[in-house]
PDB file of N, CA and C in Angstrom:
ATOM      1  N   MET A   1     -23.905  62.823  55.816  1.00  0.00           N
ATOM      2  CA  MET A   1     -22.680  62.613  55.241  1.00  0.00           C
ATOM      3  C   MET A   1     -22.952  62.281  53.765  1.00  0.00           C
ATOM      4  N   PRO A   2     -22.130  62.913  53.231  1.00  0.00           N
ATOM      5  CA  PRO A   2     -22.038  62.754  51.433  1.00  0.00           C
ATOM      6  C   PRO A   2     -22.375  61.391  51.165  1.00  0.00           C
ATOM      7  N   ARG A   3     -23.174  60.956  50.165  1.00  0.00           N
ATOM      8  CA  ARG A   3     -23.249  59.613  49.847  1.00  0.00           C
ATOM      9  C   ARG A   3     -22.291  59.521  48.005  1.00  0.00           C
ATOM     10  N   TYR A   4     -21.954  58.590  48.308  1.00  0.00           N
ATOM     11  CA  TYR A   4     -21.409  58.052  46.595  1.00  0.00           C
ATOM     12  C   TYR A   4     -21.614  57.259  46.268  1.00  0.00           C
ATOM     13  N   VAL A   5     -21.512  57.035  44.792  1.00  0.00           N
ATOM     14  CA  VAL A   5     -21.949  55.414  43.754  1.00  0.00           C
ATOM     15  C   VAL A   5     -20.860  55.398  42.881  1.00  0.00           C
ATOM     16  N   ALA A   6     -20.597  54.361  43.021  1.00  0.00           N
ATOM     17  CA  ALA A   6     -19.362  53.734  41.950  1.00  0.00           C
ATOM     18  C   ALA A   6     -19.654  52.884  41.303  1.00  0.00           C
ATOM     19  N   LEU A   7     -19.352  52.961  39.731  1.00  0.00           N
ATOM     20  CA  LEU A   7     -19.695  51.856  38.963  1.00  0.00           C
ATOM     21  C   LEU A   7     -17.968  51.251  38.950  1.00  0.00           C
ATOM     22  N   VAL A   8     -18.399  49.728  39.101  1.00  0.00           N
ATOM     23  CA  VAL A   8     -16.874  48.870  39.366  1.00  0.00           C
ATOM     24  C   VAL A   8     -16.932  47.688  37.884  1.00  0.00           C
ATOM     25  N   SER A   9     -15.768  47.784  37.389  1.00  0.00           N
ATOM     26  CA  SER A   9     -15.578  46.717  36.183  1.00  0.00           C
ATOM     27  C   SER A   9     -14.022  45.877  37.132  1.00  0.00           C
ATOM     28  N   PHE A  10     -14.568  44.645  36.632  1.00  0.00           N
ATOM     29  CA  PHE A  10     -13.433  43.663  37.050  1.00  0.00           C
ATOM     30  C   PHE A  10     -12.300  44.158  35.866  1.00  0.00           C
ATOM     31  N   THR A  11     -11.054  44.066  36.712  1.00  0.00           N
ATOM     32  CA  THR A  11      -9.719  43.629  35.542  1.00  0.00           C
ATOM     33  C   THR A  11      -9.684  42.284  34.872  1.00  0.00           C
ATOM     34  N   GLU A  12      -8.798  41.756  34.165  1.00  0.00           N
ATOM     35  CA  GLU A  12      -8.557  40.486  34.048  1.00  0.00           C
ATOM     36  C   GLU A  12      -7.974  39.882  35.248  1.00  0.00           C
ATOM     37  N   GLN A  13      -7.180  40.526  35.924  1.00  0.00           N
ATOM     38  CA  GLN A  13      -6.706  39.766  37.186  1.00  0.00           C
ATOM     39  C   GLN A  13      -8.113  39.997  38.112  1.00  0.00           C
ATOM     40  N   GLY A  14      -9.082  40.373  38.208  1.00  0.00           N
ATOM     41  CA  GLY A  14      -9.944  40.403  39.127  1.00  0.00           C
ATOM     42  C   GLY A  14     -11.065  39.054  38.610  1.00  0.00           C
ATOM     43  N   ILE A  15     -11.159  39.271  37.296  1.00  0.00           N
ATOM     44  CA  ILE A  15     -12.157  38.228  36.689  1.00  0.00           C
ATOM     45  C   ILE A  15     -11.182  36.764  36.936  1.00  0.00           C
ATOM     46  N   ARG A  16     -10.215  36.617  36.632  1.00  0.00           N
ATOM     47  CA  ARG A  16      -9.355  35.340  36.657  1.00  0.00           C
ATOM     48  C   ARG A  16      -9.736  34.672  38.263  1.00  0.00           C
ATOM     49  N   ASP A  17      -9.854  35.764  39.134  1.00  0.00           N
ATOM     50  CA  ASP A  17      -9.941  35.391  40.452  1.00  0.00           C
ATOM     51  C   ASP A  17     -11.659  35.481  41.298  1.00  0.00           C
ATOM     52  N   ILE A  18     -12.059  35.251  39.983  1.00  0.00           N
ATOM     53  CA  ILE A  18     -13.872  35.722  40.567  1.00  0.00           C
ATOM     54  C   ILE A  18     -14.299  34.837  41.554  1.00  0.00           C
ATOM     55  N   LYS A  19     -13.768  33.821  42.133  1.00  0.00           N
ATOM     56  CA  LYS A  19     -14.685  32.768  42.820  1.00  0.00           C
ATOM     57  C   LYS A  19     -14.146  33.631  44.198  1.00  0.00           C
ATOM     58  N   ASN A  20     -13.314  34.406  44.298  1.00  0.00           N
ATOM     59  CA  ASN A  20     -13.074  34.877  45.520  1.00  0.00           C
ATOM     60  C   ASN A  20     -13.460  36.194  45.593  1.00  0.00           C
ATOM     61  N   SER A  21     -14.551  36.892  44.626  1.00  0.00           N
ATOM     62  CA  SER A  21     -15.266  38.117  44.952  1.00  0.00           C
ATOM     63  C   SER A  21     -15.512  38.505  46.007  1.00  0.00           C
ATOM     64  N   LEU A  22     -16.451  37.338  46.979  1.00  0.00           N
ATOM     65  CA  LEU A  22     -17.011  37.382  47.966  1.00  0.00           C
ATOM     66  C   LEU A  22     -16.199  37.725  49.371  1.00  0.00           C
ATOM     67  N   LYS A  23     -14.754  37.064  48.908  1.00  0.00           N
ATOM     68  CA  LYS A  23     -14.118  37.307  49.869  1.00  0.00           C
ATOM     69  C   LYS A  23     -13.632  38.963  49.865  1.00  0.00           C
ATOM     70  N   ARG A  24     -13.439  39.288  48.897  1.00  0.00           N
ATOM     71  CA  ARG A  24     -12.898  40.785  48.265  1.00  0.00           C
ATOM     72  C   ARG A  24     -13.523  41.760  49.063  1.00  0.00           C
ATOM     73  N   ALA A  25     -14.841  41.135  48.707  1.00  0.00           N
ATOM     74  CA  ALA A  25     -15.960  42.754  48.728  1.00  0.00           C
ATOM     75  C   ALA A  25     -15.954  42.580  50.640  1.00  0.00           C
ATOM     76  N   ASP A  26     -15.669  41.469  51.196  1.00  0.00           N
ATOM     77  CA  ASP A  26     -15.267  41.779  52.654  1.00  0.00           C
ATOM     78  C   ASP A  26     -14.219  42.295  53.223  1.00  0.00           C
ATOM     79  N   ARG A  27     -13.540  42.271  52.681  1.00  0.00           N
ATOM     80  CA  ARG A  27     -12.024  42.518  52.663  1.00  0.00           C
ATOM     81  C   ARG A  27     -12.283  44.154  52.246  1.00  0.00           C
ATOM     82  N   PHE A  28     -12.852  44.459  51.328  1.00  0.00           N
ATOM     83  CA  PHE A  28     -13.322  45.902  51.156  1.00  0.00           C
ATOM     84  C   PHE A  28     -13.844  46.759  51.962  1.00  0.00           C
ATOM     85  N   LYS A  29     -14.708  46.186  52.636  1.00  0.00           N
ATOM     86  CA  LYS A  29     -15.580  46.551  53.707  1.00  0.00           C
ATOM     87  C   LYS A  29     -14.749  47.267  54.744  1.00  0.00           C
ATOM     88  N   ARG A  30     -13.911  46.134  55.254  1.00  0.00           N
ATOM     89  CA  ARG A  30     -13.183  46.424  56.442  1.00  0.00           C
ATOM     90  C   ARG A  30     -12.187  47.745  56.349  1.00  0.00           C
ATOM     91  N   LEU A  31     -12.008  47.622  54.872  1.00  0.00           N
ATOM     92  CA  LEU A  31     -10.548  48.815  54.058  1.00  0.00           C
ATOM     93  C   LEU A  31     -11.543  50.116  54.330  1.00  0.00           C
ATOM     94  N   ALA A  32     -12.899  50.328  53.972  1.00  0.00           N
ATOM     95  CA  ALA A  32     -13.740  51.291  54.018  1.00  0.00           C
ATOM     96  C   ALA A  32     -13.554  51.404  55.218  1.00  0.00           C
ATOM     97  N   ALA A  33     -13.809  50.948  56.125  1.00  0.00           N
ATOM     98  CA  ALA A  33     -14.167  51.299  57.704  1.00  0.00           C
ATOM     99  C   ALA A  33     -13.038  51.680  58.134  1.00  0.00           C
ATOM    100  N   LYS A  34     -11.724  51.422  57.617  1.00  0.00           N
ATOM    101  CA  LYS A  34     -10.196  52.101  57.919  1.00  0.00           C
ATOM    102  C   LYS A  34     -10.246  53.564  57.522  1.00  0.00           C
ATOM    103  N   HIS A  35     -11.111  53.714  56.283  1.00  0.00           N
ATOM    104  CA  HIS A  35     -10.889  55.326  55.530  1.00  0.00           C
ATOM    105  C   HIS A  35     -12.374  56.122  56.317  1.00  0.00           C
ATOM    106  N   LYS A  36     -13.283  55.321  57.457  1.00  0.00           N
ATOM    107  CA  LYS A  36     -14.091  56.177  58.041  1.00  0.00           C
ATOM    108  C   LYS A  36     -15.658  56.007  56.753  1.00  0.00           C
ATOM    109  N   VAL A  37     -15.380  54.971  55.776  1.00  0.00           N
ATOM    110  CA  VAL A  37     -16.664  55.190  54.887  1.00  0.00           C
ATOM    111  C   VAL A  37     -17.428  53.978  55.174  1.00  0.00           C
ATOM    112  N   LYS A  38     -18.667  54.209  54.773  1.00  0.00           N
ATOM    113  CA  LYS A  38     -19.483  53.023  55.195  1.00  0.00           C
ATOM    114  C   LYS A  38     -19.981  52.695  53.777  1.00  0.00           C
ATOM    115  N   VAL A  39     -20.225  51.567  54.050  1.00  0.00           N
ATOM    116  CA  VAL A  39     -20.627  51.013  52.466  1.00  0.00           C
ATOM    117  C   VAL A  39     -21.933  50.297  52.880  1.00  0.00           C
ATOM    118  N   ARG A  40     -22.537  51.058  52.055  1.00  0.00           N
ATOM    119  CA  ARG A  40     -24.142  50.867  51.925  1.00  0.00           C
ATOM    120  C   ARG A  40     -24.878  49.752  51.490  1.00  0.00           C
ATOM    121  N   GLU A  41     -24.486  49.212  50.405  1.00  0.00           N
ATOM    122  CA  GLU A  41     -24.957  48.395  49.477  1.00  0.00           C
ATOM    123  C   GLU A  41     -23.911  47.849  48.430  1.00  0.00           C
ATOM    124  N   ILE A  42     -23.642  46.741  48.108  1.00  0.00           N
ATOM    125  CA  ILE A  42     -22.896  46.172  47.211  1.00  0.00           C
ATOM    126  C   ILE A  42     -23.712  45.338  46.392  1.00  0.00           C
ATOM    127  N   HIS A  43     -23.778  45.469  44.995  1.00  0.00           N
ATOM    128  CA  HIS A  43     -24.716  44.947  43.623  1.00  0.00           C
ATOM    129  C   HIS A  43     -23.816  44.107  42.529  1.00  0.00           C
ATOM    130  N   TRP A  44     -23.518  43.193  42.666  1.00  0.00           N
ATOM    131  CA  TRP A  44     -23.084  42.439  41.514  1.00  0.00           C
ATOM    132  C   TRP A  44     -24.190  42.654  40.629  1.00  0.00           C
ATOM    133  N   THR A  45     -23.652  43.099  39.460  1.00  0.00           N
ATOM    134  CA  THR A  45     -24.691  43.617  37.976  1.00  0.00           C
ATOM    135  C   THR A  45     -24.312  42.871  37.032  1.00  0.00           C
ATOM    136  N   MET A  46     -25.413  42.495  35.714  1.00  0.00           N
ATOM    137  CA  MET A  46     -25.146  42.459  34.467  1.00  0.00           C
ATOM    138  C   MET A  46     -25.101  43.706  33.529  1.00  0.00           C
ATOM    139  N   GLY A  47     -24.272  43.528  32.553  1.00  0.00           N
ATOM    140  CA  GLY A  47     -24.088  44.914  31.464  1.00  0.00           C
ATOM    141  C   GLY A  47     -22.764  45.309  31.523  1.00  0.00           C
ATOM    142  N   LYS A  48     -22.526  46.747  31.074  1.00  0.00           N
ATOM    143  CA  LYS A  48     -21.449  46.986  31.012  1.00  0.00           C
ATOM    144  C   LYS A  48     -20.056  47.263  32.427  1.00  0.00           C
ATOM    145  N   TYR A  49     -21.340  47.283  33.754  1.00  0.00           N
ATOM    146  CA  TYR A  49     -20.400  47.132  35.100  1.00  0.00           C
ATOM    147  C   TYR A  49     -20.826  45.924  35.635  1.00  0.00           C
ATOM    148  N   ASP A  50     -19.762  45.387  36.506  1.00  0.00           N
ATOM    149  CA  ASP A  50     -20.156  44.228  36.884  1.00  0.00           C
ATOM    150  C   ASP A  50     -20.616  44.390  38.510  1.00  0.00           C
ATOM    151  N   ILE A  51     -20.180  45.575  38.953  1.00  0.00           N
ATOM    152  CA  ILE A  51     -20.658  45.974  40.489  1.00  0.00           C
ATOM    153  C   ILE A  51     -21.363  47.105  40.428  1.00  0.00           C
ATOM    154  N   VAL A  52     -22.025  47.670  41.323  1.00  0.00           N
ATOM    155  CA  VAL A  52     -22.449  48.974  41.778  1.00  0.00           C
ATOM    156  C   VAL A  52     -22.565  48.938  43.209  1.00  0.00           C
ATOM    157  N   VAL A  53     -21.700  50.256  43.925  1.00  0.00           N
ATOM    158  CA  VAL A  53     -21.896  49.997  45.384  1.00  0.00           C
ATOM    159  C   VAL A  53     -21.953  51.522  45.797  1.00  0.00           C
ATOM    160  N   SER A  54     -23.033  51.579  46.766  1.00  0.00           N
ATOM    161  CA  SER A  54     -23.474  52.499  47.189  1.00  0.00           C
ATOM    162  C   SER A  54     -22.372  53.084  48.711  1.00  0.00           C
ATOM    163  N   PHE A  55     -21.821  54.108  49.141  1.00  0.00           N
ATOM    164  CA  PHE A  55     -21.314  54.679  50.262  1.00  0.00           C
ATOM    165  C   PHE A  55     -22.070  55.688  50.903  1.00  0.00           C
ATOM    166  N   ASP A  56     -21.539  56.020  52.371  1.00  0.00           N
ATOM    167  CA  ASP A  56     -21.493  57.134  52.745  1.00  0.00           C
ATOM    168  C   ASP A  56     -19.742  57.511  53.283  1.00  0.00           C
ATOM    169  N   ALA A  57     -19.388  58.782  53.141  1.00  0.00           N
ATOM    170  CA  ALA A  57     -18.141  58.806  53.534  1.00  0.00           C
ATOM    171  C   ALA A  57     -17.831  60.506  54.066  1.00  0.00           C
ATOM    172  N   PRO A  58     -17.184  60.382  54.972  1.00  0.00           N
ATOM    173  CA  PRO A  58     -17.135  61.829  55.537  1.00  0.00           C
ATOM    174  C   PRO A  58     -16.792  63.332  54.490  1.00  0.00           C
ATOM    175  N   ASN A  59     -16.029  62.550  53.679  1.00  0.00           N
ATOM    176  CA  ASN A  59     -15.751  63.574  52.792  1.00  0.00           C
ATOM    177  C   ASN A  59     -15.240  63.226  51.176  1.00  0.00           C
ATOM    178  N   ASP A  60     -14.693  64.218  50.332  1.00  0.00           N
ATOM    179  CA  ASP A  60     -14.257  63.495  48.990  1.00  0.00           C
ATOM    180  C   ASP A  60     -12.706  62.951  49.191  1.00  0.00           C
ATOM    181  N   ALA A  61     -11.999  63.599  50.183  1.00  0.00           N
ATOM    182  CA  ALA A  61     -10.567  62.956  50.298  1.00  0.00           C
ATOM    183  C   ALA A  61     -10.918  61.669  50.739  1.00  0.00           C
ATOM    184  N   ALA A  62     -11.690  61.026  52.159  1.00  0.00           N
ATOM    185  CA  ALA A  62     -11.912  60.194  52.344  1.00  0.00           C
ATOM    186  C   ALA A  62     -12.062  59.085  51.142  1.00  0.00           C
ATOM    187  N   MET A  63     -13.317  59.439  50.446  1.00  0.00           N
ATOM    188  CA  MET A  63     -13.762  58.305  49.202  1.00  0.00           C
ATOM    189  C   MET A  63     -12.276  58.178  47.872  1.00  0.00           C
ATOM    190  N   SER A  64     -11.805  59.125  48.058  1.00  0.00           N
ATOM    191  CA  SER A  64     -10.658  59.349  46.751  1.00  0.00           C
ATOM    192  C   SER A  64      -9.415  58.056  47.779  1.00  0.00           C
ATOM    193  N   ALA A  65      -9.568  57.962  48.790  1.00  0.00           N
ATOM    194  CA  ALA A  65      -8.025  57.403  49.278  1.00  0.00           C
ATOM    195  C   ALA A  65      -8.443  55.824  49.562  1.00  0.00           C
ATOM    196  N   LEU A  66     -10.197  55.900  49.772  1.00  0.00           N
ATOM    197  CA  LEU A  66     -10.641  54.321  49.823  1.00  0.00           C
ATOM    198  C   LEU A  66     -10.158  53.947  48.760  1.00  0.00           C
ATOM    199  N   THR A  67     -10.767  54.661  47.320  1.00  0.00           N
ATOM    200  CA  THR A  67     -10.765  54.315  45.969  1.00  0.00           C
ATOM    201  C   THR A  67      -9.258  53.918  45.290  1.00  0.00           C
ATOM    202  N   LEU A  68      -8.755  54.819  45.398  1.00  0.00           N
ATOM    203  CA  LEU A  68      -6.916  54.654  45.136  1.00  0.00           C
ATOM    204  C   LEU A  68      -6.974  53.479  45.913  1.00  0.00           C
ATOM    205  N   GLU A  69      -6.641  53.170  47.230  1.00  0.00           N
ATOM    206  CA  GLU A  69      -5.619  51.910  47.957  1.00  0.00           C
ATOM    207  C   GLU A  69      -6.957  50.746  47.239  1.00  0.00           C
ATOM    208  N   ASN A  70      -7.779  50.739  47.172  1.00  0.00           N
ATOM    209  CA  ASN A  70      -8.743  49.534  46.629  1.00  0.00           C
ATOM    210  C   ASN A  70      -8.466  49.219  45.420  1.00  0.00           C
ATOM    211  N   CYS A  71      -8.173  50.035  44.481  1.00  0.00           N
ATOM    212  CA  CYS A  71      -7.649  50.087  42.965  1.00  0.00           C
ATOM    213  C   CYS A  71      -6.319  49.672  42.922  1.00  0.00           C
ATOM    214  N   GLN A  72      -5.395  49.712  43.721  1.00  0.00           N
ATOM    215  CA  GLN A  72      -4.183  49.756  43.548  1.00  0.00           C
ATOM    216  C   GLN A  72      -3.754  48.367  43.740  1.00  0.00           C
ATOM    217  N   LEU A  73      -5.025  47.334  44.281  1.00  0.00           N
ATOM    218  CA  LEU A  73      -4.839  45.824  44.456  1.00  0.00           C
ATOM    219  C   LEU A  73      -4.870  45.052  43.230  1.00  0.00           C
ATOM    220  N   GLY A  74      -5.743  45.707  42.296  1.00  0.00           N
ATOM    221  CA  GLY A  74      -5.520  45.673  40.858  1.00  0.00           C
ATOM    222  C   GLY A  74      -6.783  44.665  40.180  1.00  0.00           C
ATOM    223  N   ASN A  75      -7.700  44.516  41.282  1.00  0.00           N
ATOM    224  CA  ASN A  75      -8.847  43.632  41.083  1.00  0.00           C
ATOM    225  C   ASN A  75      -9.995  44.209  40.114  1.00  0.00           C
ATOM    226  N   VAL A  76     -10.057  45.852  40.159  1.00  0.00           N
ATOM    227  CA  VAL A  76     -11.215  46.282  39.812  1.00  0.00           C
ATOM    228  C   VAL A  76     -10.905  47.787  39.222  1.00  0.00           C
ATOM    229  N   ARG A  77     -11.383  48.306  38.307  1.00  0.00           N
ATOM    230  CA  ARG A  77     -11.379  49.851  37.974  1.00  0.00           C
ATOM    231  C   ARG A  77     -13.168  50.087  38.270  1.00  0.00           C
ATOM    232  N   THR A  78     -13.009  51.448  38.674  1.00  0.00           N
ATOM    233  CA  THR A  78     -14.021  52.490  39.344  1.00  0.00           C
ATOM    234  C   THR A  78     -14.199  53.272  38.860  1.00  0.00           C
ATOM    235  N   ASP A  79     -15.845  54.064  38.722  1.00  0.00           N
ATOM    236  CA  ASP A  79     -16.174  55.300  38.126  1.00  0.00           C
ATOM    237  C   ASP A  79     -16.942  55.706  39.498  1.00  0.00           C
ATOM    238  N   THR A  80     -16.258  56.533  40.389  1.00  0.00           N
ATOM    239  CA  THR A  80     -17.107  57.151  41.375  1.00  0.00           C
ATOM    240  C   THR A  80     -17.767  58.342  41.459  1.00  0.00           C
ATOM    241  N   MET A  81     -18.626  58.548  41.843  1.00  0.00           N
ATOM    242  CA  MET A  81     -19.268  59.817  41.568  1.00  0.00           C
ATOM    243  C   MET A  81     -19.983  60.500  42.949  1.00  0.00           C
ATOM    244  N   ARG A  82     -20.430  61.589  42.933  1.00  0.00           N
ATOM    245  CA  ARG A  82     -21.191  62.123  44.270  1.00  0.00           C
ATOM    246  C   ARG A  82     -22.418  61.858  43.863  1.00  0.00           C
ATOM    247  N   ALA A  83     -23.368  61.532  45.148  1.00  0.00           N
ATOM    248  CA  ALA A  83     -24.634  61.317  44.592  1.00  0.00           C
ATOM    249  C   ALA A  83     -25.469  62.343  45.447  1.00  0.00           C
ATOM    250  N   TYR A  84     -26.553  62.995  45.277  1.00  0.00           N
ATOM    251  CA  TYR A  84     -27.387  63.817  46.222  1.00  0.00           C
ATOM    252  C   TYR A  84     -28.741  63.098  46.235  1.00  0.00           C
ATOM    253  N   THR A  85     -28.863  63.219  47.786  1.00  0.00           N
ATOM    254  CA  THR A  85     -30.338  63.172  48.111  1.00  0.00           C
ATOM    255  C   THR A  85     -31.276  63.921  47.687  1.00  0.00           C
ATOM    256  N   ARG A  86     -32.603  63.506  47.429  1.00  0.00           N
ATOM    257  CA  ARG A  86     -33.846  64.429  47.326  1.00  0.00           C
ATOM    258  C   ARG A  86     -33.462  65.925  48.017  1.00  0.00           C
ATOM    259  N   GLU A  87     -33.463  66.003  49.071  1.00  0.00           N
ATOM    260  CA  GLU A  87     -33.300  66.957  49.992  1.00  0.00           C
ATOM    261  C   GLU A  87     -31.975  68.105  49.507  1.00  0.00           C
ATOM    262  N   GLU A  88     -30.936  66.906  49.430  1.00  0.00           N
ATOM    263  CA  GLU A  88     -29.964  67.530  49.047  1.00  0.00           C
ATOM    264  C   GLU A  88     -30.010  68.475  47.596  1.00  0.00           C
ATOM    265  N   PHE A  89     -30.413  67.566  46.701  1.00  0.00           N
ATOM    266  CA  PHE A  89     -30.370  68.499  45.333  1.00  0.00           C
ATOM    267  C   PHE A  89     -31.382  69.548  45.300  1.00  0.00           C
ATOM    268  N   ALA A  90     -32.764  69.288  46.083  1.00  0.00           N
ATOM    269  CA  ALA A  90     -33.503  70.486  46.288  1.00  0.00           C
ATOM    270  C   ALA A  90     -32.700  72.003  46.691  1.00  0.00           C
ATOM    271  N   HIS A  91     -31.862  71.731  47.942  1.00  0.00           N
ATOM    272  CA  HIS A  91     -30.866  72.934  48.288  1.00  0.00           C
ATOM    273  C   HIS A  91     -30.368  73.452  47.057  1.00  0.00           C
ATOM    274  N   ILE A  92     -29.659  72.864  46.407  1.00  0.00           N
ATOM    275  CA  ILE A  92     -29.170  73.153  44.689  1.00  0.00           C
ATOM    276  C   ILE A  92     -29.720  73.642  44.106  1.00  0.00           C
ATOM    277  N   LEU A  93     -31.148  72.823  43.873  1.00  0.00           N
ATOM    278  CA  LEU A  93     -31.976  73.842  43.077  1.00  0.00           C
ATOM    279  C   LEU A  93     -32.292  74.987  43.428  1.00  0.00           C
ATOM    280  N   LYS A  94     -32.396  75.790  44.584  1.00  0.00           N
ATOM    281  CA  LYS A  94     -32.694  76.574  45.223  1.00  0.00           C
ATOM    282  C   LYS A  94     -31.967  77.967  44.973  1.00  0.00           C
ATOM    283  N   ALA A  95     -30.668  77.088  44.753  1.00  0.00           N
ATOM    284  CA  ALA A  95     -29.290  78.091  44.210  1.00  0.00           C
ATOM    285  C   ALA A  95     -29.346  78.811  42.655  1.00  0.00           C
ATOM    286  N   ILE A  96     -29.901  78.292  42.205  1.00  0.00           N
ATOM    287  CA  ILE A  96     -30.416  78.424  40.485  1.00  0.00           C
ATOM    288  C   ILE A  96     -30.877  79.555  40.524  1.00  0.00           C
ATOM    289  N   SER A  97     -30.816  80.662  39.529  1.00  0.00           N
ATOM    290  CA  SER A  97     -31.379  81.825  39.286  1.00  0.00           C
ATOM    291  C   SER A  97     -32.258  81.564  38.318  1.00  0.00           C
TER     292      SER A  97
END
């Protein structure tokens, strides 16, 4: 199953309601399950991004739907990327001539 990583930043709305961040994370996991996306890990971070999340999703469409549905709530902005395991990247490298 494809893996994804999201770099997440709180919006002004999200930071004003920071005390509910853990509850929002729980709701987000339920939303992910609705889209058949597994949240592997959520890390709250210091620096440019506030949260880093790793996922397994069946495809890009499921991941996009989850991201859009979550972002429309207005608490976060995300930068989501497809991530490759070592084995997947090795297969990609074999295709390079």
